[in-house]
Amino acid sequence: MKKIIHVNQHVIRRNTKHGTDEPVLTVKTYKENNYAHEAIIKTKDGVELAKVIYSPHKPLSCGARVWVELDTDTTDVDLIVREGENND
């Protein structure tokens, strides 16, 4: 089954504006939507590969409130740049 992790920027803005703490991540399948502040990406064996983290009260130094963290001992990242897209 395919799952999509969606970051809802409208909820991030609303939380920032009103001081609320609603979950901004939606994990979607064809059957349901589940809402969270953090999503942990694991193998079928339970090994954690990465986390999608929402941290409104302690953003990164660049100002990001949502980011993906991974352990490079178990996981690596390949970067793909597509021609014709904005690559700023």
C-alpha atoms as a PDB file:
ATOM      1  CA  MET A   1       0.000   0.000   0.000  1.00  0.00           C
ATOM      2  CA  LYS A   2       1.297   3.443  -0.887  1.00  0.00           C
ATOM      3  CA  LYS A   3       1.447   6.113   1.831  1.00  0.00           C
ATOM      4  CA  ILE A   4       1.964   9.817   1.241  1.00  0.00           C
ATOM      5  CA  ILE A   5       3.239  12.186   3.920  1.00  0.00           C
ATOM      6  CA  HIS A   6       1.764  15.626   3.291  1.00  0.00           C
ATOM      7  CA  VAL A   7       2.925  18.803   5.059  1.00  0.00           C
ATOM      8  CA  ASN A   8       0.011  21.214   5.443  1.00  0.00           C
ATOM      9  CA  GLN A   9       1.490  24.700   5.212  1.00  0.00           C
ATOM     10  CA  HIS A  10      -1.901  26.289   5.932  1.00  0.00           C
ATOM     11  CA  VAL A  11      -1.971  24.615   9.354  1.00  0.00           C
ATOM     12  CA  ILE A  12       1.629  25.721  10.006  1.00  0.00           C
ATOM     13  CA  ARG A  13       0.625  29.321   9.287  1.00  0.00           C
ATOM     14  CA  ARG A  14      -2.538  29.047  11.389  1.00  0.00           C
ATOM     15  CA  ASN A  15      -0.589  27.575  14.318  1.00  0.00           C
ATOM     16  CA  THR A  16       1.990  30.369  14.052  1.00  0.00           C
ATOM     17  CA  LYS A  17      -0.642  33.090  13.837  1.00  0.00           C
ATOM     18  CA  HIS A  18      -2.946  31.830  16.611  1.00  0.00           C
ATOM     19  CA  GLY A  19      -0.438  30.084  18.896  1.00  0.00           C
ATOM     20  CA  THR A  20      -2.151  26.712  18.406  1.00  0.00           C
ATOM     21  CA  ASP A  21      -0.475  23.310  18.073  1.00  0.00           C
ATOM     22  CA  GLU A  22      -2.534  21.350  15.532  1.00  0.00           C
ATOM     23  CA  PRO A  23      -0.751  18.482  13.739  1.00  0.00           C
ATOM     24  CA  VAL A  24       0.597  19.613  10.361  1.00  0.00           C
ATOM     25  CA  LEU A  25       1.540  16.216   8.931  1.00  0.00           C
ATOM     26  CA  THR A  26      -1.020  14.027   7.196  1.00  0.00           C
ATOM     27  CA  VAL A  27      -0.138  10.415   6.404  1.00  0.00           C
ATOM     28  CA  LYS A  28      -2.509   9.479   3.591  1.00  0.00           C
ATOM     29  CA  THR A  29      -3.510   6.109   2.178  1.00  0.00           C
ATOM     30  CA  TYR A  30      -6.357   5.299  -0.184  1.00  0.00           C
ATOM     31  CA  LYS A  31      -8.440   4.444   2.908  1.00  0.00           C
ATOM     32  CA  GLU A  32      -7.681   7.094   5.506  1.00  0.00           C
ATOM     33  CA  ASN A  33      -5.847  10.195   6.679  1.00  0.00           C
ATOM     34  CA  ASN A  34      -3.880  10.184   9.941  1.00  0.00           C
ATOM     35  CA  TYR A  35      -2.618  13.428  11.472  1.00  0.00           C
ATOM     36  CA  ALA A  36       0.596  13.856  13.453  1.00  0.00           C
ATOM     37  CA  HIS A  37       3.382  16.153  14.634  1.00  0.00           C
ATOM     38  CA  GLU A  38       6.007  13.544  13.706  1.00  0.00           C
ATOM     39  CA  ALA A  39       6.106  10.674  11.200  1.00  0.00           C
ATOM     40  CA  ILE A  40       8.682   7.902  11.570  1.00  0.00           C
ATOM     41  CA  ILE A  41       9.666   6.082   8.381  1.00  0.00           C
ATOM     42  CA  LYS A  42      10.672   2.462   9.086  1.00  0.00           C
ATOM     43  CA  THR A  43      11.536  -0.705   7.218  1.00  0.00           C
ATOM     44  CA  LYS A  44       9.168  -3.671   7.487  1.00  0.00           C
ATOM     45  CA  ASP A  45      11.588  -5.034  10.125  1.00  0.00           C
ATOM     46  CA  GLY A  46      11.082  -1.931  12.275  1.00  0.00           C
ATOM     47  CA  VAL A  47      14.416  -0.258  11.548  1.00  0.00           C
ATOM     48  CA  GLU A  48      13.984   3.514  11.627  1.00  0.00           C
ATOM     49  CA  LEU A  49      15.138   5.139   8.383  1.00  0.00           C
ATOM     50  CA  ALA A  50      13.977   8.725   8.843  1.00  0.00           C
ATOM     51  CA  LYS A  51      11.652  11.072  10.723  1.00  0.00           C
ATOM     52  CA  VAL A  52       9.538  13.938   9.453  1.00  0.00           C
ATOM     53  CA  ILE A  53       9.450  16.391  12.363  1.00  0.00           C
ATOM     54  CA  TYR A  54       7.242  19.397  13.105  1.00  0.00           C
ATOM     55  CA  SER A  55       8.794  21.556  15.810  1.00  0.00           C
ATOM     56  CA  PRO A  56       7.036  24.937  15.962  1.00  0.00           C
ATOM     57  CA  HIS A  57       8.531  26.058  19.274  1.00  0.00           C
ATOM     58  CA  LYS A  58      12.115  25.090  18.432  1.00  0.00           C
ATOM     59  CA  PRO A  59      12.657  25.622  14.686  1.00  0.00           C
ATOM     60  CA  LEU A  60      16.000  25.038  12.991  1.00  0.00           C
ATOM     61  CA  SER A  61      18.407  27.984  12.828  1.00  0.00           C
ATOM     62  CA  CYS A  62      17.269  28.604   9.228  1.00  0.00           C
ATOM     63  CA  GLY A  63      13.689  29.025  10.507  1.00  0.00           C
ATOM     64  CA  ALA A  64      12.324  25.688   9.255  1.00  0.00           C
ATOM     65  CA  ARG A  65       9.530  24.277  11.413  1.00  0.00           C
ATOM     66  CA  VAL A  66       9.257  20.978   9.473  1.00  0.00           C
ATOM     67  CA  TRP A  67      12.178  18.859   8.306  1.00  0.00           C
ATOM     68  CA  VAL A  68      13.304  15.292   7.569  1.00  0.00           C
ATOM     69  CA  GLU A  69      16.022  13.720   9.729  1.00  0.00           C
ATOM     70  CA  LEU A  70      17.812  10.493   8.891  1.00  0.00           C
ATOM     71  CA  ASP A  71      20.670   8.430  10.261  1.00  0.00           C
ATOM     72  CA  THR A  72      23.400   8.246   7.634  1.00  0.00           C
ATOM     73  CA  ASP A  73      24.751   5.063   9.251  1.00  0.00           C
ATOM     74  CA  THR A  74      21.703   3.199   7.911  1.00  0.00           C
ATOM     75  CA  THR A  75      20.411   5.445   5.127  1.00  0.00           C
ATOM     76  CA  ASP A  76      21.743   7.626   2.341  1.00  0.00           C
ATOM     77  CA  VAL A  77      20.176  10.279   0.115  1.00  0.00           C
ATOM     78  CA  ASP A  78      20.439  10.554  -3.662  1.00  0.00           C
ATOM     79  CA  LEU A  79      19.635  14.004  -5.011  1.00  0.00           C
ATOM     80  CA  ILE A  80      17.763  14.243  -8.305  1.00  0.00           C
ATOM     81  CA  VAL A  81      17.508  17.507 -10.224  1.00  0.00           C
ATOM     82  CA  ARG A  82      15.051  17.556 -13.120  1.00  0.00           C
ATOM     83  CA  GLU A  83      15.722  19.747 -16.128  1.00  0.00           C
ATOM     84  CA  GLY A  84      13.260  22.548 -16.706  1.00  0.00           C
ATOM     85  CA  GLU A  85      12.253  22.875 -13.062  1.00  0.00           C
ATOM     86  CA  ASN A  86      13.188  25.754 -10.800  1.00  0.00           C
ATOM     87  CA  ASN A  87      16.481  24.676  -9.232  1.00  0.00           C
ATOM     88  CA  ASP A  88      17.160  27.692  -6.990  1.00  0.00           C
END
